C-alpha atoms as a PDB file:
ATOM      1  CA  MET A   1     101.001  72.792  95.817  1.00  0.00           C
ATOM      2  CA  GLU A   2     100.863  70.272  98.632  1.00  0.00           C
ATOM      3  CA  LYS A   3      97.705  70.394 100.729  1.00  0.00           C
ATOM      4  CA  ILE A   4      97.532  70.614 104.488  1.00  0.00           C
ATOM      5  CA  ASP A   5      95.502  67.456 104.972  1.00  0.00           C
ATOM      6  CA  GLN A   6      95.567  64.040 106.609  1.00  0.00           C
ATOM      7  CA  VAL A   7      97.507  62.517 103.679  1.00  0.00           C
ATOM      8  CA  SER A   8     100.388  64.997 103.877  1.00  0.00           C
ATOM      9  CA  LEU A   9     100.338  64.844 107.685  1.00  0.00           C
ATOM     10  CA  LYS A  10     100.935  61.084 107.618  1.00  0.00           C
ATOM     11  CA  LYS A  11     103.511  61.428 104.836  1.00  0.00           C
ATOM     12  CA  HIS A  12     105.641  63.941 106.734  1.00  0.00           C
ATOM     13  CA  THR A  13     105.096  62.971 110.374  1.00  0.00           C
ATOM     14  CA  SER A  14     103.673  59.402 110.448  1.00  0.00           C
ATOM     15  CA  LEU A  15     100.697  60.695 112.461  1.00  0.00           C
ATOM     16  CA  ASN A  16      97.208  59.468 111.670  1.00  0.00           C
ATOM     17  CA  SER A  17      94.016  61.493 111.778  1.00  0.00           C
ATOM     18  CA  GLU A  18      90.786  59.717 112.706  1.00  0.00           C
ATOM     19  CA  LYS A  19      88.856  62.181 110.536  1.00  0.00           C
ATOM     20  CA  GLU A  20      89.552  63.643 107.122  1.00  0.00           C
ATOM     21  CA  PHE A  21      90.531  67.315 107.047  1.00  0.00           C
ATOM     22  CA  GLU A  22      91.899  69.968 104.732  1.00  0.00           C
ATOM     23  CA  CYS A  23      93.232  73.179 106.245  1.00  0.00           C
ATOM     24  CA  SER A  24      94.273  76.426 104.626  1.00  0.00           C
ATOM     25  CA  TYR A  25      96.652  77.836 107.241  1.00  0.00           C
ATOM     26  CA  PHE A  26      98.991  77.069 110.094  1.00  0.00           C
ATOM     27  CA  GLY A  27      98.480  79.230 113.170  1.00  0.00           C
ATOM     28  CA  MET A  28      98.704  79.722 116.905  1.00  0.00           C
ATOM     29  CA  SER A  29      95.991  79.891 119.557  1.00  0.00           C
ATOM     30  CA  ASN A  30      95.129  83.438 118.401  1.00  0.00           C
ATOM     31  CA  ALA A  31      94.858  82.463 114.709  1.00  0.00           C
ATOM     32  CA  ILE A  32      93.001  85.045 112.625  1.00  0.00           C
ATOM     33  CA  ASN A  33      92.651  82.981 109.428  1.00  0.00           C
ATOM     34  CA  PRO A  34      89.744  80.559 109.008  1.00  0.00           C
ATOM     35  CA  ASN A  35      90.334  76.813 108.719  1.00  0.00           C
ATOM     36  CA  THR A  36      93.648  76.768 110.591  1.00  0.00           C
ATOM     37  CA  ILE A  37      95.638  73.870 112.005  1.00  0.00           C
ATOM     38  CA  ALA A  38      97.289  74.555 115.368  1.00  0.00           C
ATOM     39  CA  PHE A  39      98.763  72.698 118.339  1.00  0.00           C
ATOM     40  CA  VAL A  40      98.473  72.754 122.119  1.00  0.00           C
ATOM     41  CA  ASP A  41     100.744  71.178 124.732  1.00  0.00           C
ATOM     42  CA  THR A  42      99.743  73.134 127.822  1.00  0.00           C
ATOM     43  CA  GLU A  43      96.429  73.882 129.554  1.00  0.00           C
ATOM     44  CA  ARG A  44      97.270  77.580 129.504  1.00  0.00           C
ATOM     45  CA  PHE A  45      95.928  78.028 125.949  1.00  0.00           C
ATOM     46  CA  ILE A  46      92.964  75.644 126.039  1.00  0.00           C
ATOM     47  CA  ASP A  47      90.277  78.297 126.620  1.00  0.00           C
ATOM     48  CA  GLU A  48      91.642  80.589 123.906  1.00  0.00           C
ATOM     49  CA  ILE A  49      91.776  77.708 121.419  1.00  0.00           C
ATOM     50  CA  ASN A  50      88.284  76.491 122.275  1.00  0.00           C
ATOM     51  CA  ASN A  51      86.902  79.995 121.755  1.00  0.00           C
ATOM     52  CA  ASN A  52      88.727  80.493 118.449  1.00  0.00           C
ATOM     53  CA  LEU A  53      86.458  79.296 115.653  1.00  0.00           C
ATOM     54  CA  ASN A  54      89.254  79.758 113.111  1.00  0.00           C
ATOM     55  CA  ILE A  55      91.030  76.667 114.478  1.00  0.00           C
ATOM     56  CA  THR A  56      89.525  73.506 113.042  1.00  0.00           C
ATOM     57  CA  VAL A  57      92.339  70.962 113.518  1.00  0.00           C
ATOM     58  CA  LEU A  58      94.475  70.573 116.622  1.00  0.00           C
ATOM     59  CA  LEU A  59      97.535  68.519 117.461  1.00  0.00           C
ATOM     60  CA  CYS A  60      97.407  67.732 121.184  1.00  0.00           C
ATOM     61  CA  THR A  61      98.394  65.222 123.852  1.00  0.00           C
ATOM     62  CA  ASN A  62      96.084  62.472 125.057  1.00  0.00           C
ATOM     63  CA  TYR A  63      95.866  64.293 128.378  1.00  0.00           C
ATOM     64  CA  LEU A  64      94.522  67.492 126.749  1.00  0.00           C
ATOM     65  CA  LYS A  65      92.280  65.856 124.159  1.00  0.00           C
ATOM     66  CA  GLU A  66      89.163  65.772 126.349  1.00  0.00           C
ATOM     67  CA  GLN A  67      89.512  69.502 127.078  1.00  0.00           C
ATOM     68  CA  CYS A  68      89.575  70.470 123.400  1.00  0.00           C
ATOM     69  CA  LYS A  69      86.059  71.299 122.186  1.00  0.00           C
ATOM     70  CA  ASN A  70      84.693  71.260 118.637  1.00  0.00           C
ATOM     71  CA  LYS A  71      88.046  70.513 116.993  1.00  0.00           C
ATOM     72  CA  ILE A  72      89.408  67.654 114.950  1.00  0.00           C
ATOM     73  CA  THR A  73      92.071  66.420 117.353  1.00  0.00           C
ATOM     74  CA  ILE A  74      95.209  64.494 116.431  1.00  0.00           C
ATOM     75  CA  THR A  75      96.939  63.062 119.490  1.00  0.00           C
ATOM     76  CA  CYS A  76     100.682  62.555 119.838  1.00  0.00           C
ATOM     77  CA  ASP A  77     103.388  62.570 122.483  1.00  0.00           C
ATOM     78  CA  ASP A  78     104.914  65.919 121.420  1.00  0.00           C
ATOM     79  CA  PRO A  79     102.492  68.218 119.534  1.00  0.00           C
ATOM     80  CA  ARG A  80     105.071  70.989 119.313  1.00  0.00           C
ATOM     81  CA  TYR A  81     107.572  68.772 117.502  1.00  0.00           C
ATOM     82  CA  TYR A  82     105.083  67.285 115.045  1.00  0.00           C
ATOM     83  CA  TYR A  83     103.404  70.631 114.331  1.00  0.00           C
ATOM     84  CA  TYR A  84     106.624  72.430 113.397  1.00  0.00           C
ATOM     85  CA  THR A  85     108.010  69.429 111.528  1.00  0.00           C
ATOM     86  CA  PHE A  86     104.796  69.333 109.482  1.00  0.00           C
ATOM     87  CA  LEU A  87     104.884  73.107 108.915  1.00  0.00           C
ATOM     88  CA  ASN A  88     108.497  72.957 107.700  1.00  0.00           C
ATOM     89  CA  LYS A  89     107.736  70.184 105.221  1.00  0.00           C
ATOM     90  CA  ILE A  90     104.743  72.040 103.794  1.00  0.00           C
ATOM     91  CA  VAL A  91     106.782  75.250 103.533  1.00  0.00           C
ATOM     92  CA  GLU A  92     109.542  73.450 101.646  1.00  0.00           C
ATOM     93  CA  SER A  93     107.069  71.715  99.339  1.00  0.00           C
ATOM     94  CA  ASN A  94     105.005  74.794  98.503  1.00  0.00           C
ATOM     95  CA  TYR A  95     107.755  77.391  98.118  1.00  0.00           C
ATOM     96  CA  VAL A  96     107.702  78.922  94.626  1.00  0.00           C
ATOM     97  CA  LYS A  97     110.434  81.078  93.130  1.00  0.00           C
ATOM     98  CA  THR A  98     109.570  83.835  90.672  1.00  0.00           C
ATOM     99  CA  PRO A  99     112.064  86.257  89.103  1.00  0.00           C
ATOM    100  CA  SER A 100     112.595  89.471  91.028  1.00  0.00           C
ATOM    101  CA  VAL A 101     111.051  92.645  89.618  1.00  0.00           C
ATOM    102  CA  ILE A 102     112.995  95.893  90.002  1.00  0.00           C
ATOM    103  CA  SER A 103     111.600  99.162  88.699  1.00  0.00           C
ATOM    104  CA  PRO A 104     113.759 100.759  85.993  1.00  0.00           C
ATOM    105  CA  THR A 105     113.714 103.976  88.024  1.00  0.00           C
ATOM    106  CA  ALA A 106     115.075 102.278  91.166  1.00  0.00           C
ATOM    107  CA  ILE A 107     118.704 103.037  92.023  1.00  0.00           C
ATOM    108  CA  ILE A 108     120.641  99.969  93.141  1.00  0.00           C
ATOM    109  CA  HIS A 109     124.217 100.557  94.304  1.00  0.00           C
ATOM    110  CA  PRO A 110     126.702  98.218  92.578  1.00  0.00           C
ATOM    111  CA  ARG A 111     127.754  96.785  95.937  1.00  0.00           C
ATOM    112  CA  ALA A 112     124.176  96.053  97.076  1.00  0.00           C
ATOM    113  CA  TYR A 113     122.816  92.501  96.939  1.00  0.00           C
ATOM    114  CA  ILE A 114     119.321  91.843  95.627  1.00  0.00           C
ATOM    115  CA  CYS A 115     118.070  88.252  95.577  1.00  0.00           C
ATOM    116  CA  GLU A 116     117.291  87.083  92.051  1.00  0.00           C
ATOM    117  CA  HIS A 117     113.907  85.675  93.056  1.00  0.00           C
ATOM    118  CA  ASN A 118     110.835  86.839  95.013  1.00  0.00           C
ATOM    119  CA  VAL A 119     111.851  90.487  95.404  1.00  0.00           C
ATOM    120  CA  VAL A 120     109.863  93.511  94.231  1.00  0.00           C
ATOM    121  CA  ILE A 121     111.372  97.020  94.340  1.00  0.00           C
ATOM    122  CA  GLY A 122     109.288 100.039  93.362  1.00  0.00           C
ATOM    123  CA  ASN A 123     109.825 103.321  91.557  1.00  0.00           C
ATOM    124  CA  ASN A 124     112.575 105.731  92.637  1.00  0.00           C
ATOM    125  CA  THR A 125     113.690 103.524  95.537  1.00  0.00           C
ATOM    126  CA  TYR A 126     117.352 103.633  96.498  1.00  0.00           C
ATOM    127  CA  ILE A 127     119.293 100.623  97.834  1.00  0.00           C
ATOM    128  CA  GLY A 128     122.663 101.650  99.277  1.00  0.00           C
ATOM    129  CA  PRO A 129     126.118 100.018  99.254  1.00  0.00           C
ATOM    130  CA  ASN A 130     126.400  96.668 101.045  1.00  0.00           C
ATOM    131  CA  ALA A 131     122.674  96.593 101.723  1.00  0.00           C
ATOM    132  CA  THR A 132     121.122  93.127 101.370  1.00  0.00           C
ATOM    133  CA  VAL A 133     117.599  92.440 100.145  1.00  0.00           C
ATOM    134  CA  LEU A 134     116.832  88.734 100.448  1.00  0.00           C
ATOM    135  CA  ALA A 135     113.962  86.710  98.990  1.00  0.00           C
ATOM    136  CA  ASP A 136     110.318  87.416  99.844  1.00  0.00           C
ATOM    137  CA  VAL A 137     110.702  91.178 100.204  1.00  0.00           C
ATOM    138  CA  GLU A 138     108.477  93.836  98.649  1.00  0.00           C
ATOM    139  CA  ILE A 139     109.648  97.456  98.809  1.00  0.00           C
ATOM    140  CA  GLY A 140     107.400 100.257  97.592  1.00  0.00           C
ATOM    141  CA  ASN A 141     108.077 103.542  95.847  1.00  0.00           C
ATOM    142  CA  ASP A 142     110.384 106.366  96.956  1.00  0.00           C
ATOM    143  CA  CYS A 143     112.078 104.353  99.712  1.00  0.00           C
ATOM    144  CA  TYR A 144     115.652 104.778 100.910  1.00  0.00           C
ATOM    145  CA  VAL A 145     117.661 101.834 102.264  1.00  0.00           C
ATOM    146  CA  LYS A 146     121.015 102.808 103.726  1.00  0.00           C
ATOM    147  CA  SER A 147     124.314 100.923 103.781  1.00  0.00           C
ATOM    148  CA  GLY A 148     124.521  97.552 105.497  1.00  0.00           C
ATOM    149  CA  ALA A 149     120.797  97.044 106.092  1.00  0.00           C
ATOM    150  CA  VAL A 150     119.600  93.437 105.837  1.00  0.00           C
ATOM    151  CA  ILE A 151     115.964  92.954 104.848  1.00  0.00           C
ATOM    152  CA  GLY A 152     114.265  89.569 104.661  1.00  0.00           C
ATOM    153  CA  SER A 153     116.445  87.342 106.817  1.00  0.00           C
ATOM    154  CA  GLU A 154     114.875  84.530 108.853  1.00  0.00           C
ATOM    155  CA  GLY A 155     114.052  85.279 112.469  1.00  0.00           C
ATOM    156  CA  PHE A 156     115.286  83.410 115.526  1.00  0.00           C
ATOM    157  CA  GLU A 157     112.566  80.795 115.854  1.00  0.00           C
ATOM    158  CA  LEU A 158     113.888  77.630 117.458  1.00  0.00           C
ATOM    159  CA  LYS A 159     111.635  75.194 119.290  1.00  0.00           C
ATOM    160  CA  ARG A 160     112.809  72.897 122.088  1.00  0.00           C
ATOM    161  CA  THR A 161     111.045  69.553 121.871  1.00  0.00           C
ATOM    162  CA  THR A 162     111.479  66.120 123.409  1.00  0.00           C
ATOM    163  CA  LYS A 163     112.940  65.043 120.060  1.00  0.00           C
ATOM    164  CA  GLY A 164     115.484  67.842 119.733  1.00  0.00           C
ATOM    165  CA  ILE A 165     115.539  71.465 118.606  1.00  0.00           C
ATOM    166  CA  VAL A 166     113.457  72.330 115.534  1.00  0.00           C
ATOM    167  CA  ASN A 167     114.418  75.345 113.428  1.00  0.00           C
ATOM    168  CA  VAL A 168     111.185  76.834 112.082  1.00  0.00           C
ATOM    169  CA  LEU A 169     111.296  77.904 108.449  1.00  0.00           C
ATOM    170  CA  HIS A 170     109.937  81.331 107.514  1.00  0.00           C
ATOM    171  CA  ASP A 171     107.870  81.575 104.344  1.00  0.00           C
ATOM    172  CA  GLY A 172     106.294  84.942 105.067  1.00  0.00           C
ATOM    173  CA  LYS A 173     107.342  88.257 103.591  1.00  0.00           C
ATOM    174  CA  VAL A 174     108.656  91.680 104.464  1.00  0.00           C
ATOM    175  CA  ILE A 175     106.240  94.181 102.928  1.00  0.00           C
ATOM    176  CA  ILE A 176     107.469  97.786 102.959  1.00  0.00           C
ATOM    177  CA  GLY A 177     105.217 100.619 101.864  1.00  0.00           C
ATOM    178  CA  ASN A 178     106.016 103.919 100.152  1.00  0.00           C
ATOM    179  CA  ASN A 179     108.386 106.670 101.278  1.00  0.00           C
ATOM    180  CA  VAL A 180     109.996 104.505 103.965  1.00  0.00           C
ATOM    181  CA  LYS A 181     113.541 105.046 105.233  1.00  0.00           C
ATOM    182  CA  VAL A 182     115.602 102.112 106.533  1.00  0.00           C
ATOM    183  CA  GLY A 183     118.770 103.127 108.368  1.00  0.00           C
ATOM    184  CA  ALA A 184     122.295 101.733 108.156  1.00  0.00           C
ATOM    185  CA  ASN A 185     122.894  98.244 109.578  1.00  0.00           C
ATOM    186  CA  CYS A 186     119.235  97.594 110.395  1.00  0.00           C
ATOM    187  CA  ALA A 187     117.920  94.035 110.479  1.00  0.00           C
ATOM    188  CA  ILE A 188     114.341  93.323 109.396  1.00  0.00           C
ATOM    189  CA  HIS A 189     113.213  89.682 109.520  1.00  0.00           C
ATOM    190  CA  LYS A 190     110.559  88.240 107.251  1.00  0.00           C
ATOM    191  CA  GLY A 191     107.392  86.784 108.707  1.00  0.00           C
ATOM    192  CA  PHE A 192     105.733  83.426 108.960  1.00  0.00           C
ATOM    193  CA  SER A 193     103.090  82.407 106.462  1.00  0.00           C
ATOM    194  CA  PHE A 194     100.367  83.445 108.888  1.00  0.00           C
ATOM    195  CA  ARG A 195     101.838  86.866 109.723  1.00  0.00           C
ATOM    196  CA  HIS A 196     104.010  88.912 107.369  1.00  0.00           C
ATOM    197  CA  THR A 197     106.364  91.632 108.587  1.00  0.00           C
ATOM    198  CA  ILE A 198     104.777  94.915 107.495  1.00  0.00           C
ATOM    199  CA  ILE A 199     106.350  98.389 107.439  1.00  0.00           C
ATOM    200  CA  SER A 200     103.702 100.900 106.388  1.00  0.00           C
ATOM    201  CA  ASP A 201     103.991 104.160 104.417  1.00  0.00           C
ATOM    202  CA  GLU A 202     106.048 107.048 105.795  1.00  0.00           C
ATOM    203  CA  VAL A 203     107.831 104.988 108.472  1.00  0.00           C
ATOM    204  CA  LYS A 204     111.325 106.280 109.315  1.00  0.00           C
ATOM    205  CA  ILE A 205     113.819 103.831 110.788  1.00  0.00           C
ATOM    206  CA  ASP A 206     117.122 105.063 112.194  1.00  0.00           C
ATOM    207  CA  ASP A 207     120.439 103.171 112.126  1.00  0.00           C
ATOM    208  CA  LEU A 208     120.977  99.916 114.051  1.00  0.00           C
ATOM    209  CA  VAL A 209     117.305  99.101 114.562  1.00  0.00           C
ATOM    210  CA  TYR A 210     116.134  95.479 114.894  1.00  0.00           C
ATOM    211  CA  ILE A 211     112.661  94.450 113.726  1.00  0.00           C
ATOM    212  CA  ALA A 212     111.717  90.818 114.367  1.00  0.00           C
ATOM    213  CA  HIS A 213     109.457  88.527 112.348  1.00  0.00           C
ATOM    214  CA  GLY A 214     105.783  89.316 112.048  1.00  0.00           C
ATOM    215  CA  VAL A 215     106.046  92.882 113.371  1.00  0.00           C
ATOM    216  CA  HIS A 216     103.462  95.338 112.008  1.00  0.00           C
ATOM    217  CA  ILE A 217     104.478  99.010 112.014  1.00  0.00           C
ATOM    218  CA  GLY A 218     101.801 101.566 111.187  1.00  0.00           C
ATOM    219  CA  LYS A 219     102.001 104.668 109.044  1.00  0.00           C
ATOM    220  CA  GLY A 220     104.283 107.475 110.152  1.00  0.00           C
ATOM    221  CA  CYS A 221     106.102 105.726 113.019  1.00  0.00           C
ATOM    222  CA  PHE A 222     109.638 106.830 113.943  1.00  0.00           C
ATOM    223  CA  LEU A 223     112.066 104.214 115.289  1.00  0.00           C
ATOM    224  CA  ILE A 224     115.273 105.706 116.664  1.00  0.00           C
ATOM    225  CA  GLY A 225     118.737 104.111 116.799  1.00  0.00           C
ATOM    226  CA  ASN A 226     119.363 100.875 118.726  1.00  0.00           C
ATOM    227  CA  SER A 227     115.669 100.251 119.327  1.00  0.00           C
ATOM    228  CA  MET A 228     114.362  96.684 119.136  1.00  0.00           C
ATOM    229  CA  ILE A 229     110.865  95.442 118.336  1.00  0.00           C
ATOM    230  CA  SER A 230     110.239  91.793 119.216  1.00  0.00           C
ATOM    231  CA  GLY A 231     108.197  89.336 117.152  1.00  0.00           C
ATOM    232  CA  SER A 232     104.514  89.719 116.284  1.00  0.00           C
ATOM    233  CA  THR A 233     104.195  93.104 117.979  1.00  0.00           C
ATOM    234  CA  THR A 234     101.900  95.702 116.416  1.00  0.00           C
ATOM    235  CA  LEU A 235     102.709  99.406 116.413  1.00  0.00           C
ATOM    236  CA  LYS A 236      99.775 101.543 115.288  1.00  0.00           C
ATOM    237  CA  GLU A 237     100.199 104.945 113.582  1.00  0.00           C
ATOM    238  CA  ASN A 238     102.523 107.844 114.460  1.00  0.00           C
ATOM    239  CA  ILE A 239     104.416 106.190 117.319  1.00  0.00           C
ATOM    240  CA  TRP A 240     107.769 107.454 118.604  1.00  0.00           C
ATOM    241  CA  VAL A 241     110.166 104.700 119.640  1.00  0.00           C
ATOM    242  CA  GLY A 242     113.088 106.361 121.391  1.00  0.00           C
ATOM    243  CA  PRO A 243     116.791 105.452 121.363  1.00  0.00           C
ATOM    244  CA  GLY A 244     117.567 102.073 122.892  1.00  0.00           C
ATOM    245  CA  VAL A 245     113.930 101.110 123.488  1.00  0.00           C
ATOM    246  CA  THR A 246     113.091  97.401 123.779  1.00  0.00           C
ATOM    247  CA  VAL A 247     109.542  96.266 123.037  1.00  0.00           C
ATOM    248  CA  SER A 248     108.604  92.713 124.048  1.00  0.00           C
ATOM    249  CA  ASN A 249     106.844  90.281 121.736  1.00  0.00           C
ATOM    250  CA  GLY A 250     103.164  90.135 120.878  1.00  0.00           C
ATOM    251  CA  LEU A 251     102.260  93.569 122.249  1.00  0.00           C
ATOM    252  CA  ILE A 252      99.948  96.227 120.826  1.00  0.00           C
ATOM    253  CA  ILE A 253     101.198  99.810 120.951  1.00  0.00           C
ATOM    254  CA  GLU A 254      98.300 102.126 120.144  1.00  0.00           C
ATOM    255  CA  LYS A 255      98.593 105.183 117.881  1.00  0.00           C
ATOM    256  CA  ASN A 256     100.434 108.329 118.943  1.00  0.00           C
ATOM    257  CA  ALA A 257     102.178 106.506 121.811  1.00  0.00           C
ATOM    258  CA  TYR A 258     105.578 107.801 122.912  1.00  0.00           C
ATOM    259  CA  LEU A 259     108.201 105.341 124.200  1.00  0.00           C
ATOM    260  CA  THR A 260     110.982 107.351 125.828  1.00  0.00           C
ATOM    261  CA  ILE A 261     114.705 106.634 125.684  1.00  0.00           C
ATOM    262  CA  GLY A 262     115.767 103.255 127.035  1.00  0.00           C
ATOM    263  CA  SER A 263     112.263 102.076 127.945  1.00  0.00           C
ATOM    264  CA  VAL A 264     111.696  98.332 128.297  1.00  0.00           C
ATOM    265  CA  VAL A 265     108.078  97.827 127.258  1.00  0.00           C
ATOM    266  CA  THR A 266     106.503  94.588 128.480  1.00  0.00           C
ATOM    267  CA  GLN A 267     102.786  95.376 128.247  1.00  0.00           C
ATOM    268  CA  ASP A 268     100.397  97.040 125.800  1.00  0.00           C
ATOM    269  CA  VAL A 269     100.538 100.835 125.556  1.00  0.00           C
ATOM    270  CA  GLU A 270      97.393 102.930 125.254  1.00  0.00           C
ATOM    271  CA  GLU A 271      96.638 105.563 122.625  1.00  0.00           C
ATOM    272  CA  ASN A 272      98.532 108.846 123.235  1.00  0.00           C
ATOM    273  CA  GLN A 273     100.282 107.328 126.270  1.00  0.00           C
ATOM    274  CA  LYS A 274     103.880 108.221 127.115  1.00  0.00           C
ATOM    275  CA  VAL A 275     105.858 105.513 128.926  1.00  0.00           C
ATOM    276  CA  THR A 276     109.280 105.437 130.576  1.00  0.00           C
ATOM    277  CA  GLY A 277     111.468 103.054 132.515  1.00  0.00           C
ATOM    278  CA  ASN A 278     112.449  99.434 132.988  1.00  0.00           C
ATOM    279  CA  PHE A 279     109.843  97.997 133.077  1.00  0.00           C
ATOM    280  CA  ALA A 280     108.044 100.883 131.395  1.00  0.00           C
ATOM    281  CA  ILE A 281     105.173 102.646 133.169  1.00  0.00           C
ATOM    282  CA  SER A 282     103.336 105.923 132.630  1.00  0.00           C
ATOM    283  CA  HIS A 283     105.914 108.691 132.236  1.00  0.00           C
ATOM    284  CA  ALA A 284     104.131 110.911 134.770  1.00  0.00           C
ATOM    285  CA  LYS A 285     104.087 108.100 137.326  1.00  0.00           C
ATOM    286  CA  PHE A 286     107.773 107.378 136.643  1.00  0.00           C
ATOM    287  CA  ILE A 287     108.755 111.017 137.262  1.00  0.00           C
ATOM    288  CA  GLN A 288     106.608 111.173 140.393  1.00  0.00           C
ATOM    289  CA  LYS A 289     108.298 108.069 141.782  1.00  0.00           C
ATOM    290  CA  LEU A 290     111.730 109.339 140.794  1.00  0.00           C
ATOM    291  CA  LYS A 291     111.192 112.612 142.697  1.00  0.00           C
ATOM    292  CA  LYS A 292     109.920 110.711 145.725  1.00  0.00           C
ATOM    293  CA  ASP A 293     113.038 108.504 145.769  1.00  0.00           C
ATOM    294  CA  LEU A 294     115.476 111.417 145.500  1.00  0.00           C
END
């Protein structure tokens, strides 16, 4: 396993660190894992990074270096490029393949595809015709995956840099709990190493639903057809996501929330709140405004 340290940094990027370091994780400004390496190329995230004790090493520009407090800083002309180049090299170096494990009581349709490595499928789980389960996917017991679903593909994570576009590799997982239903032609992307995609117990997903990388879906949520959950969003327990709903990235939808048909959700939703509209607001406020405009 290749370490995240000053030796591997120089090997893969030609950057030098003035101080020795050894990190355990890659992460963003909101990193939740201790001893994380991150990057910053805009003043917008300086305060959050400075207040995040989990970040110990930071790639930054010369201009931002003096604003970064209590971090080991590594200066360069394009932190974004060097950070993701370094991440990709470490991902490639550390990736380990182990034979897939499928319960003898699981039912796999002959026309389904299950990757031969890094897949776990539990007891009494059904995988339907033309469904695809790629590497780095764990599916629990008593689940039902309908035809054409694709689980474990890489998300759309492309970074524009001064040195070209960098495609960010995904080494995270999709972790699906027990008694979960995945509808026909759904797409569920796997996560990054610092945030897996998690579908908890009792979640029911209708046909044609898109779940991006790093999404966390709590127990008992219902996601109805053509809904879309953007990356790194968290849905707590027992949430209703109506037909055609779009949820933006990085949001927190609290438990028992109700997102009505066609809503475009761009901000956090409170517990037990019902929202409607584009952009979504309180359902009661939406109806009040609608009556006023009639």
